[in-house]
Each structure stands twice: as structure tokens, then as C-alpha cells.
Amino acid sequence: MADASTNRRRNRPPTAAAAAAALLLAVFLALGLIPNASAEPAPAPPAPACGAESRGGCHDRPEALKLKVVAIAAILATSMIGVGAPLFSREVPALKPDRKLFVIIKAFASGVILATGYMHVMPDSFDDLRSECLPEVPWRKFPFTMFVAMLSAVITLMVDSYAMAYYKKINAKISSSSGGGGGGGDANGQAKDAVVGLEHGGADAHLHGGAGAGAIEGEKEQLLRYRVVAQVLELGIVVHSVVIGLSLGASDNPCTIRPLIAALCFHQMFEGMGLGGCILQAEFGLKVKFIMAFFFSATTPFGIALGIGLSNVYSDSSPAALIVEGLLNASSAGLLNYMALVDLLAADFLGPRLQADMKLQSWAYVAVLFGAGFMALMAKWA
């Protein structure tokens, strides 16, 4: 009797629960979530080549040198076009800073800068500081990239805040020393020159007459803001540009350099548009505009030339180079992310211009997403 009962249980069809369990087990095995005992162990990954340039595959120093020379010329030209286009937009009425098209273009460029920090600079820092070429302790036991980026954002806020307070203090002293009366226009001009600290002979004649004292002070304060933003933003971009140029200049792999040249040309052009828009709004004098545009355009080619000169002694996979580049990239990422979110996007979208025009605000958001998406796509190659 017991044997018959046992046989009936053995011959009973599987229940739905058993079938589901079998199906889940098969899925997990297929996905590799459960190790297959019968599978052979995967071969260990090859040890990274640390401290020396990889010699396999596509190593060709003479060909790489030719491509680097092409890269210097191409990146210099596209950088100058990108940063210079907004500066000459005053010749086109539709591209003046008070027009809607300029607002949309600036929103696009702000999205580019935001994606540069998050999609280009920060991942590079992660790759450097978590490299297998560095000791596990402390580099892979602590998120140095996020820590340094956080400190960089806070320090950028401090610089932003202290610079504004310092310039306002200078402005207040000059305004109070003027004593009002007929010298008010001259005092305004002196205050403007003191604020910049670099400019000689700016072009802000609209601040000198016709408007009330409150309107003049408001315009001057906004102008100070634009100038501080432009200078701090250029600092972060220049640091990153030197690092990527140095890495490209030290490489002897033509297969890597070819797509990188095209990607960096687009990268520098659109990043330059964002910086050029900030420089335009800051209304610097011609000399300061030229200096800032030159430094932006020349830093990546300078980094490439420096990498070429140091290629015999410099390796971008050496521990020292990984640490230096990783920390610089993390600092630049924190600065760019802060500037894009706080000084560019938040300042524009929470300002009176876009708050009063919902249609323009919607188009500006589309431009931000398009710019960020385009630059995020470029991260596939650079």
C-alpha cells in the first residue's frame, strides 16, 4: 500500500510552483547570476600595462606624431570658431544678448558644459583614480573623485561669493567717495573698472546716464556677476583642456588618436560657444576678450605639444600621472558642474526673463536637453 502511494507521488505531474521555480533557475543560469559548476573557470584578465605605453596592436610613433600635428591645428581652429562666434554676434541683430535666439543658444551651450562635467571629466577621473595600476588602499577603498569634486564645488562657491563681496565693497567705497553731484558718471566708470580688475576701457556707456541710481546699481551688480562667472568658468575649462591635451600628446596609438581628434574638435567648439556667451554678457573690453578667447583656444593645443615633448618620459598609465590627472579632472568636474547648474542654468531659468515667458522657457529647456544629449553622445569617442 505504501509502495503504491509512493509511486503515485513520483508519477504526479509537476505543480505550477515547481515549473516556475525551474523556469527561474533556467533564467538565472542563462544570465550567469548563478555560477555553472560544469563551466570552465574564466581566464584571468591580463595585468594592466602600468608605467609604459602599450606596444601592441596599433602602436606607430611616426604616424601618431603626424596626427598630433593635425590635431593641434584642427583643435586650435575649431576652438577659436567656437569661442569667437558669440563674441562677434553683435554684428547680427538676432544674436544680441537681449534677443530670444541668444537665450536659446546660451541654454544649448550651458547643456554642453553640464554634460562635459558629468559625462567627460568625471568618468575620466574615475578611470584614473580607480585604475588597477594604483594601490587598492587607499585609491579603490575611498571615492576620491566624488570627494574632490564636492570640495571643488564648495571652493568654487567660496570664490564666487568672496569675489562678489570684494567687488561690491570696492564699488561702494568708490561710490561713497564720489560724493554725488556731477562726478557721479565718473565714479560709475571708476567702479566698473575696479570691478573687473583687468579691463581697460570697457564699453558700458549705458550705465552712465539716463537711468535712476537704483537701476544703475542693479545693472552694475548683474555685470559683476557675469564677469565673475566668465572668469571662474574659464579656469575650470582651461584645467580640463590641458589635461586632455596632455593625454593625447603622450599617446602613440593612431587608432585612438584619429577618432579622438574629431570628437575633441566638436567638444571644443561647443564648449567654446558656452564660454563665449558668458564673455559676451560680461561686456569685457576688447583686450580682455582677446586674452580669454586666446587662453581657451590655446590650452588644448598647448597640452598636446607638451605631451609630445614629454612622450619619452611621460606615460599616462604611470601611477603618478594617473593620480595627478585624476585629481585635476575631479576638481574640474566639480567646478564645471557647479558653474553649469548654479551660475548658468539656475541664474537664467530662475531669472525674470524666462520666468515671464513660459514659451521661451520651454524652448530653452529643449535646447539644454539637446546640448547635454549631444555632448553625452560624444562621450562614446572622447
Protein backbone atom coordinates (compact mmCIF):
# COMPACT_ATOMS: atom_id res chain seq x y z
CA MET A 1 0.00 0.00 0.00
CA ALA A 2 2.82 2.36 0.91
CA ASP A 3 4.67 1.45 -2.29
CA ALA A 4 1.63 2.30 -4.40
CA SER A 5 1.25 5.68 -2.70
CA THR A 6 4.91 6.40 -3.27
CA ASN A 7 4.66 5.51 -6.94
CA ARG A 8 1.63 7.79 -7.35
CA ARG A 9 3.58 10.70 -5.86
CA ARG A 10 6.51 10.02 -8.17
CA ASN A 11 4.27 9.91 -11.25
CA ARG A 12 2.28 13.04 -10.28
CA PRO A 13 2.78 15.89 -12.84
CA PRO A 14 4.80 18.85 -11.59
CA THR A 15 2.83 21.67 -9.99
CA ALA A 16 2.83 25.28 -11.26
CA ALA A 17 5.14 26.33 -8.43
CA ALA A 18 7.69 23.71 -9.36
CA ALA A 19 7.51 24.72 -13.01
CA ALA A 20 8.00 28.39 -12.11
CA ALA A 21 10.98 27.53 -9.92
CA ALA A 22 12.54 25.55 -12.75
CA LEU A 23 11.96 28.42 -15.17
CA LEU A 24 13.57 30.95 -12.80
CA LEU A 25 16.53 28.66 -12.30
CA ALA A 26 16.99 28.39 -16.07
CA VAL A 27 16.81 32.18 -16.46
CA PHE A 28 19.37 32.76 -13.70
CA LEU A 29 21.70 30.21 -15.22
CA ALA A 30 21.33 31.85 -18.64
CA LEU A 31 22.08 35.29 -17.24
CA GLY A 32 25.05 34.00 -15.29
CA LEU A 33 23.63 35.05 -11.91
CA ILE A 34 24.22 31.50 -10.61
CA PRO A 35 27.64 30.03 -11.37
CA ASN A 36 27.56 26.97 -13.56
CA ALA A 37 29.51 24.21 -11.90
CA SER A 38 30.19 22.48 -15.19
CA ALA A 39 31.57 25.61 -16.86
CA GLU A 40 35.27 26.07 -17.03
CA PRO A 41 36.67 28.95 -14.95
CA ALA A 42 37.12 32.14 -16.97
CA PRO A 43 40.72 33.01 -17.69
CA ALA A 44 42.15 35.75 -15.51
CA PRO A 45 42.25 39.17 -17.22
CA PRO A 46 45.70 40.26 -18.34
CA ALA A 47 47.58 42.51 -15.98
CA PRO A 48 47.41 46.18 -16.96
CA ALA A 49 50.45 47.72 -18.59
CA CYS A 50 51.39 50.30 -15.97
CA GLY A 51 54.06 52.92 -16.44
CA ALA A 52 54.69 52.17 -20.09
CA GLU A 53 52.91 52.76 -23.37
CA SER A 54 51.16 49.72 -24.78
CA ARG A 55 53.13 48.32 -27.72
CA GLY A 56 50.52 46.01 -29.16
CA GLY A 57 48.08 46.45 -31.98
CA CYS A 58 48.23 49.99 -33.31
CA HIS A 59 51.44 51.49 -31.95
CA ASP A 60 53.08 53.70 -34.56
CA ARG A 61 55.04 56.68 -33.27
CA PRO A 62 55.74 58.44 -36.64
CA GLU A 63 52.10 58.14 -37.75
CA ALA A 64 50.88 59.27 -34.34
CA LEU A 65 53.14 62.34 -34.50
CA LYS A 66 51.61 63.37 -37.84
CA LEU A 67 48.12 63.04 -36.38
CA LYS A 68 49.09 65.09 -33.34
CA VAL A 69 50.26 67.95 -35.56
CA VAL A 70 46.94 67.78 -37.40
CA ALA A 71 45.16 67.73 -34.04
CA ILE A 72 46.93 70.90 -32.87
CA ALA A 73 45.85 72.83 -35.97
CA ALA A 74 42.30 71.43 -36.10
CA ILE A 75 41.53 71.87 -32.41
CA LEU A 76 43.01 75.38 -32.38
CA ALA A 77 40.85 76.40 -35.35
CA THR A 78 37.60 74.90 -34.03
CA SER A 79 38.21 76.32 -30.55
CA MET A 80 38.67 79.79 -31.99
CA ILE A 81 35.50 79.43 -34.06
CA GLY A 82 33.50 78.22 -31.06
CA VAL A 83 34.60 80.89 -28.59
CA GLY A 84 34.71 83.65 -31.21
CA ALA A 85 31.26 83.12 -32.74
CA PRO A 86 29.32 84.59 -29.78
CA LEU A 87 31.78 87.48 -29.46
CA PHE A 88 31.03 88.64 -33.00
CA SER A 89 27.29 88.05 -32.70
CA ARG A 90 26.70 91.75 -32.05
CA GLU A 91 27.06 92.19 -35.79
CA VAL A 92 23.96 90.01 -36.21
CA PRO A 93 20.91 91.68 -34.63
CA ALA A 94 19.14 88.35 -33.94
CA LEU A 95 22.09 87.13 -31.85
CA LYS A 96 22.39 90.08 -29.48
CA PRO A 97 22.16 89.16 -25.76
CA ASP A 98 18.73 90.76 -25.40
CA ARG A 99 17.16 88.60 -28.14
CA LYS A 100 15.38 85.27 -27.70
CA LEU A 101 17.67 83.40 -30.07
CA PHE A 102 20.68 84.26 -27.91
CA VAL A 103 18.86 82.88 -24.84
CA ILE A 104 18.23 79.57 -26.63
CA ILE A 105 21.82 79.32 -27.91
CA LYS A 106 23.16 80.05 -24.44
CA ALA A 107 20.88 77.35 -22.97
CA PHE A 108 22.25 74.88 -25.53
CA ALA A 109 25.83 75.83 -24.60
CA SER A 110 25.02 75.53 -20.88
CA GLY A 111 23.79 71.98 -21.50
CA VAL A 112 27.07 71.24 -23.28
CA ILE A 113 29.08 72.47 -20.29
CA LEU A 114 26.89 70.46 -17.89
CA ALA A 115 27.42 67.26 -19.87
CA THR A 116 31.14 67.99 -20.15
CA GLY A 117 31.45 67.89 -16.37
CA TYR A 118 29.27 64.82 -15.81
CA MET A 119 29.91 62.74 -18.95
CA HIS A 120 33.52 63.56 -19.88
CA VAL A 121 35.57 64.91 -17.00
CA MET A 122 34.16 62.95 -14.06
CA PRO A 123 34.31 59.50 -15.75
CA ASP A 124 37.92 60.19 -16.74
CA SER A 125 38.71 60.90 -13.10
CA PHE A 126 37.01 57.66 -12.02
CA ASP A 127 39.05 55.70 -14.59
CA ASP A 128 42.30 57.28 -13.41
CA LEU A 129 41.84 57.04 -9.64
CA ARG A 130 40.36 53.50 -9.72
CA SER A 131 42.93 52.13 -12.12
CA GLU A 132 44.47 48.73 -11.45
CA CYS A 133 47.83 50.46 -11.69
CA LEU A 134 47.22 52.20 -8.35
CA PRO A 135 47.33 50.51 -4.95
CA GLU A 136 43.97 49.24 -3.74
CA VAL A 137 44.46 51.14 -0.48
CA PRO A 138 43.52 53.94 -0.47
CA TRP A 139 42.53 54.61 -4.11
CA ARG A 140 39.88 51.91 -4.59
CA LYS A 141 38.71 51.97 -0.97
CA PHE A 142 37.53 55.59 -0.97
CA PRO A 143 35.63 57.60 -3.64
CA PHE A 144 38.29 60.25 -4.14
CA THR A 145 36.67 61.51 -7.36
CA MET A 146 33.40 62.46 -5.69
CA PHE A 147 35.18 63.79 -2.61
CA VAL A 148 37.46 66.10 -4.61
CA ALA A 149 34.58 67.17 -6.90
CA MET A 150 32.49 68.03 -3.84
CA LEU A 151 35.32 70.11 -2.35
CA SER A 152 35.88 71.78 -5.71
CA ALA A 153 32.21 72.79 -5.95
CA VAL A 154 32.29 74.26 -2.43
CA ILE A 155 35.55 76.11 -3.12
CA THR A 156 34.05 77.46 -6.35
CA LEU A 157 31.09 78.74 -4.36
CA MET A 158 33.51 80.40 -1.92
CA VAL A 159 35.45 82.07 -4.75
CA ASP A 160 32.19 83.16 -6.35
CA SER A 161 30.85 84.59 -3.11
CA TYR A 162 34.04 86.28 -1.90
CA ALA A 163 34.73 87.80 -5.32
CA MET A 164 31.26 89.33 -5.48
CA ALA A 165 31.55 90.67 -1.92
CA TYR A 166 35.02 92.10 -2.60
CA TYR A 167 33.97 93.81 -5.81
CA LYS A 168 30.83 95.22 -4.20
CA LYS A 169 32.96 96.61 -1.36
CA ILE A 170 35.27 98.34 -3.82
CA ASN A 171 32.28 99.67 -5.72
CA ALA A 172 30.69 101.02 -2.53
CA LYS A 173 33.90 102.79 -1.48
CA ILE A 174 34.32 104.48 -4.86
CA SER A 175 30.64 105.46 -5.00
CA SER A 176 30.73 106.95 -1.49
CA SER A 177 33.99 108.82 -2.15
CA SER A 178 32.46 110.50 -5.21
CA GLY A 179 30.04 112.49 -3.02
CA GLY A 180 27.32 112.59 -5.71
CA GLY A 181 26.74 115.59 -7.97
CA GLY A 182 28.31 116.00 -11.36
CA GLY A 183 31.05 113.46 -10.66
CA GLY A 184 28.59 110.58 -10.44
CA GLY A 185 29.23 109.47 -14.02
CA ASP A 186 32.99 109.38 -13.46
CA ALA A 187 32.53 107.43 -10.24
CA ASN A 188 30.45 104.85 -12.05
CA GLY A 189 33.16 104.42 -14.64
CA GLN A 190 35.82 104.03 -11.92
CA ALA A 191 33.69 101.48 -10.10
CA LYS A 192 33.25 99.47 -13.26
CA ASP A 193 37.00 99.41 -13.90
CA ALA A 194 37.69 98.44 -10.29
CA VAL A 195 35.24 95.56 -10.50
CA VAL A 196 36.89 93.92 -13.45
CA GLY A 197 40.44 94.35 -12.24
CA LEU A 198 41.66 93.51 -15.74
CA GLU A 199 39.78 95.69 -18.16
CA HIS A 200 40.96 98.98 -19.58
CA GLY A 201 38.36 100.92 -21.48
CA GLY A 202 35.21 98.77 -21.32
CA ALA A 203 32.05 99.66 -23.19
CA ASP A 204 29.25 100.18 -20.70
CA ALA A 205 28.11 103.67 -21.56
CA HIS A 206 24.51 102.80 -20.78
CA LEU A 207 25.43 102.73 -17.10
CA HIS A 208 26.50 106.35 -17.07
CA GLY A 209 23.36 108.29 -17.68
CA GLY A 210 19.65 108.41 -18.17
CA ALA A 211 18.67 105.82 -15.57
CA GLY A 212 17.97 106.14 -11.87
CA ALA A 213 20.55 105.32 -9.23
CA GLY A 214 18.79 102.05 -8.32
CA ALA A 215 18.67 100.86 -11.92
CA ILE A 216 22.34 101.72 -12.40
CA GLU A 217 23.34 99.79 -9.29
CA GLY A 218 21.27 96.79 -10.38
CA GLU A 219 22.86 96.74 -13.82
CA LYS A 220 26.33 97.07 -12.34
CA GLU A 221 25.70 94.22 -9.91
CA GLN A 222 24.48 91.98 -12.72
CA LEU A 223 27.51 92.92 -14.77
CA LEU A 224 29.77 91.95 -11.86
CA ARG A 225 28.04 88.61 -11.69
CA TYR A 226 28.58 87.93 -15.37
CA ARG A 227 32.26 88.80 -15.10
CA VAL A 228 32.94 86.60 -12.10
CA VAL A 229 31.10 83.70 -13.79
CA ALA A 230 33.08 84.09 -17.02
CA GLN A 231 36.46 84.12 -15.26
CA VAL A 232 35.75 81.19 -12.93
CA LEU A 233 34.23 79.14 -15.77
CA GLU A 234 37.29 79.69 -17.93
CA LEU A 235 39.52 78.47 -15.09
CA GLY A 236 37.72 75.12 -14.92
CA ILE A 237 37.68 74.67 -18.69
CA VAL A 238 41.37 75.53 -19.05
CA VAL A 239 42.40 72.94 -16.42
CA HIS A 240 40.44 70.21 -18.18
CA SER A 241 41.70 71.24 -21.63
CA VAL A 242 45.35 70.97 -20.59
CA VAL A 243 44.77 67.50 -19.14
CA ILE A 244 43.06 66.08 -22.24
CA GLY A 245 45.67 67.68 -24.49
CA LEU A 246 48.49 66.16 -22.44
CA SER A 247 46.94 62.70 -22.67
CA LEU A 248 46.51 62.97 -26.43
CA GLY A 249 50.04 64.29 -26.95
CA ALA A 250 51.60 61.45 -24.96
CA SER A 251 49.76 58.71 -26.87
CA ASP A 252 51.43 56.80 -29.73
CA ASN A 253 48.30 54.92 -30.79
CA PRO A 254 46.93 56.25 -34.13
CA CYS A 255 43.82 54.09 -33.81
CA THR A 256 42.90 56.03 -30.67
CA ILE A 257 44.03 59.44 -31.86
CA ARG A 258 42.02 59.54 -35.13
CA PRO A 259 38.50 59.41 -33.64
CA LEU A 260 39.67 61.48 -30.68
CA ILE A 261 40.62 64.41 -32.94
CA ALA A 262 37.13 64.65 -34.43
CA ALA A 263 35.46 64.27 -31.04
CA LEU A 264 37.66 66.92 -29.41
CA CYS A 265 37.03 69.37 -32.26
CA PHE A 266 33.27 69.17 -31.69
CA HIS A 267 33.82 69.21 -27.93
CA GLN A 268 35.97 72.36 -28.00
CA MET A 269 33.70 74.15 -30.46
CA PHE A 270 30.51 73.79 -28.43
CA GLU A 271 32.26 74.29 -25.11
CA GLY A 272 33.76 77.45 -26.57
CA MET A 273 30.28 78.65 -27.53
CA GLY A 274 29.22 78.41 -23.88
CA LEU A 275 32.26 80.29 -22.66
CA GLY A 276 31.99 82.86 -25.45
CA GLY A 277 28.39 83.59 -24.48
CA CYS A 278 29.46 84.25 -20.89
CA ILE A 279 32.31 86.51 -22.04
CA LEU A 280 29.89 88.41 -24.28
CA GLN A 281 27.43 89.01 -21.44
CA ALA A 282 30.28 90.15 -19.18
CA GLU A 283 30.97 93.02 -21.63
CA PHE A 284 34.71 92.95 -21.16
CA GLY A 285 36.92 95.29 -23.13
CA LEU A 286 38.43 94.11 -26.40
CA LYS A 287 41.79 93.30 -24.79
CA VAL A 288 40.30 91.07 -22.09
CA LYS A 289 38.02 89.32 -24.60
CA PHE A 290 41.03 88.52 -26.76
CA ILE A 291 43.07 87.23 -23.80
CA MET A 292 40.29 84.96 -22.55
CA ALA A 293 39.49 83.64 -26.05
CA PHE A 294 43.20 83.01 -26.70
CA PHE A 295 43.73 81.07 -23.48
CA PHE A 296 40.72 78.87 -24.14
CA SER A 297 41.75 78.19 -27.74
CA ALA A 298 45.42 77.55 -26.99
CA THR A 299 45.27 75.37 -23.88
CA THR A 300 44.39 72.06 -25.57
CA PRO A 301 46.96 72.51 -28.38
CA PHE A 302 49.48 73.53 -25.70
CA GLY A 303 48.69 70.35 -23.77
CA ILE A 304 49.18 68.27 -26.93
CA ALA A 305 52.52 69.94 -27.65
CA LEU A 306 53.58 69.41 -24.04
CA GLY A 307 52.59 65.75 -24.27
CA ILE A 308 54.65 65.36 -27.45
CA GLY A 309 57.68 66.88 -25.73
CA LEU A 310 57.29 64.67 -22.68
CA SER A 311 56.32 61.48 -24.53
CA ASN A 312 59.72 59.90 -23.89
CA VAL A 313 59.48 60.36 -20.12
CA TYR A 314 55.73 60.68 -19.56
CA SER A 315 53.30 57.79 -19.51
CA ASP A 316 49.61 58.40 -18.95
CA SER A 317 49.36 54.96 -17.29
CA SER A 318 52.06 55.58 -14.67
CA PRO A 319 50.77 55.83 -11.08
CA ALA A 320 51.95 59.43 -10.65
CA ALA A 321 50.28 60.56 -13.89
CA LEU A 322 47.04 58.75 -13.02
CA ILE A 323 46.86 60.41 -9.60
CA VAL A 324 47.64 63.92 -10.91
CA GLU A 325 45.26 63.67 -13.87
CA GLY A 326 42.54 62.06 -11.77
CA LEU A 327 42.64 64.76 -9.10
CA LEU A 328 42.76 67.57 -11.68
CA ASN A 329 39.82 66.08 -13.56
CA ALA A 330 37.83 65.68 -10.35
CA SER A 331 38.49 69.32 -9.44
CA SER A 332 37.49 70.47 -12.91
CA ALA A 333 34.34 68.33 -12.82
CA GLY A 334 33.17 69.84 -9.55
CA LEU A 335 33.81 73.35 -10.84
CA LEU A 336 32.06 72.78 -14.18
CA ASN A 337 29.05 71.09 -12.61
CA TYR A 338 28.62 73.94 -10.13
CA MET A 339 29.02 76.62 -12.78
CA ALA A 340 26.62 74.93 -15.21
CA LEU A 341 23.88 74.31 -12.65
CA VAL A 342 24.15 77.40 -10.44
CA ASP A 343 25.70 80.24 -12.41
CA LEU A 344 24.35 79.40 -15.87
CA LEU A 345 21.17 77.31 -15.77
CA ALA A 346 19.69 78.37 -12.42
CA ALA A 347 20.59 82.03 -12.96
CA ASP A 348 18.82 82.07 -16.34
CA PHE A 349 15.82 79.83 -15.69
CA LEU A 350 15.02 81.39 -12.31
CA GLY A 351 15.66 84.91 -13.59
CA PRO A 352 12.96 87.40 -14.60
CA ARG A 353 13.47 86.95 -18.36
CA LEU A 354 12.50 83.27 -18.57
CA GLN A 355 10.07 83.38 -15.65
CA ALA A 356 7.99 85.94 -17.54
CA ASP A 357 7.95 83.97 -20.82
CA MET A 358 6.89 80.34 -20.44
CA LYS A 359 7.16 79.62 -24.16
CA LEU A 360 10.75 80.85 -24.29
CA GLN A 361 11.48 78.89 -21.10
CA SER A 362 10.18 75.68 -22.71
CA TRP A 363 12.30 76.18 -25.81
CA ALA A 364 15.30 76.90 -23.58
CA TYR A 365 14.77 73.58 -21.76
CA VAL A 366 14.66 71.80 -25.11
CA ALA A 367 17.94 73.48 -26.03
CA VAL A 368 19.53 72.43 -22.71
CA LEU A 369 18.48 68.81 -23.20
CA PHE A 370 19.65 68.81 -26.80
CA GLY A 371 23.04 70.29 -25.89
CA ALA A 372 23.54 67.91 -22.96
CA GLY A 373 22.41 64.93 -25.05
CA PHE A 374 24.72 65.80 -27.92
CA MET A 375 27.73 66.17 -25.65
CA ALA A 376 26.78 62.99 -23.76
CA LEU A 377 26.78 61.15 -27.09
CA MET A 378 30.27 62.49 -27.79
CA ALA A 379 31.45 60.68 -24.64
CA LYS A 380 31.39 57.48 -26.73
CA TRP A 381 34.50 58.71 -28.55
CA ALA A 382 36.12 61.26 -26.21
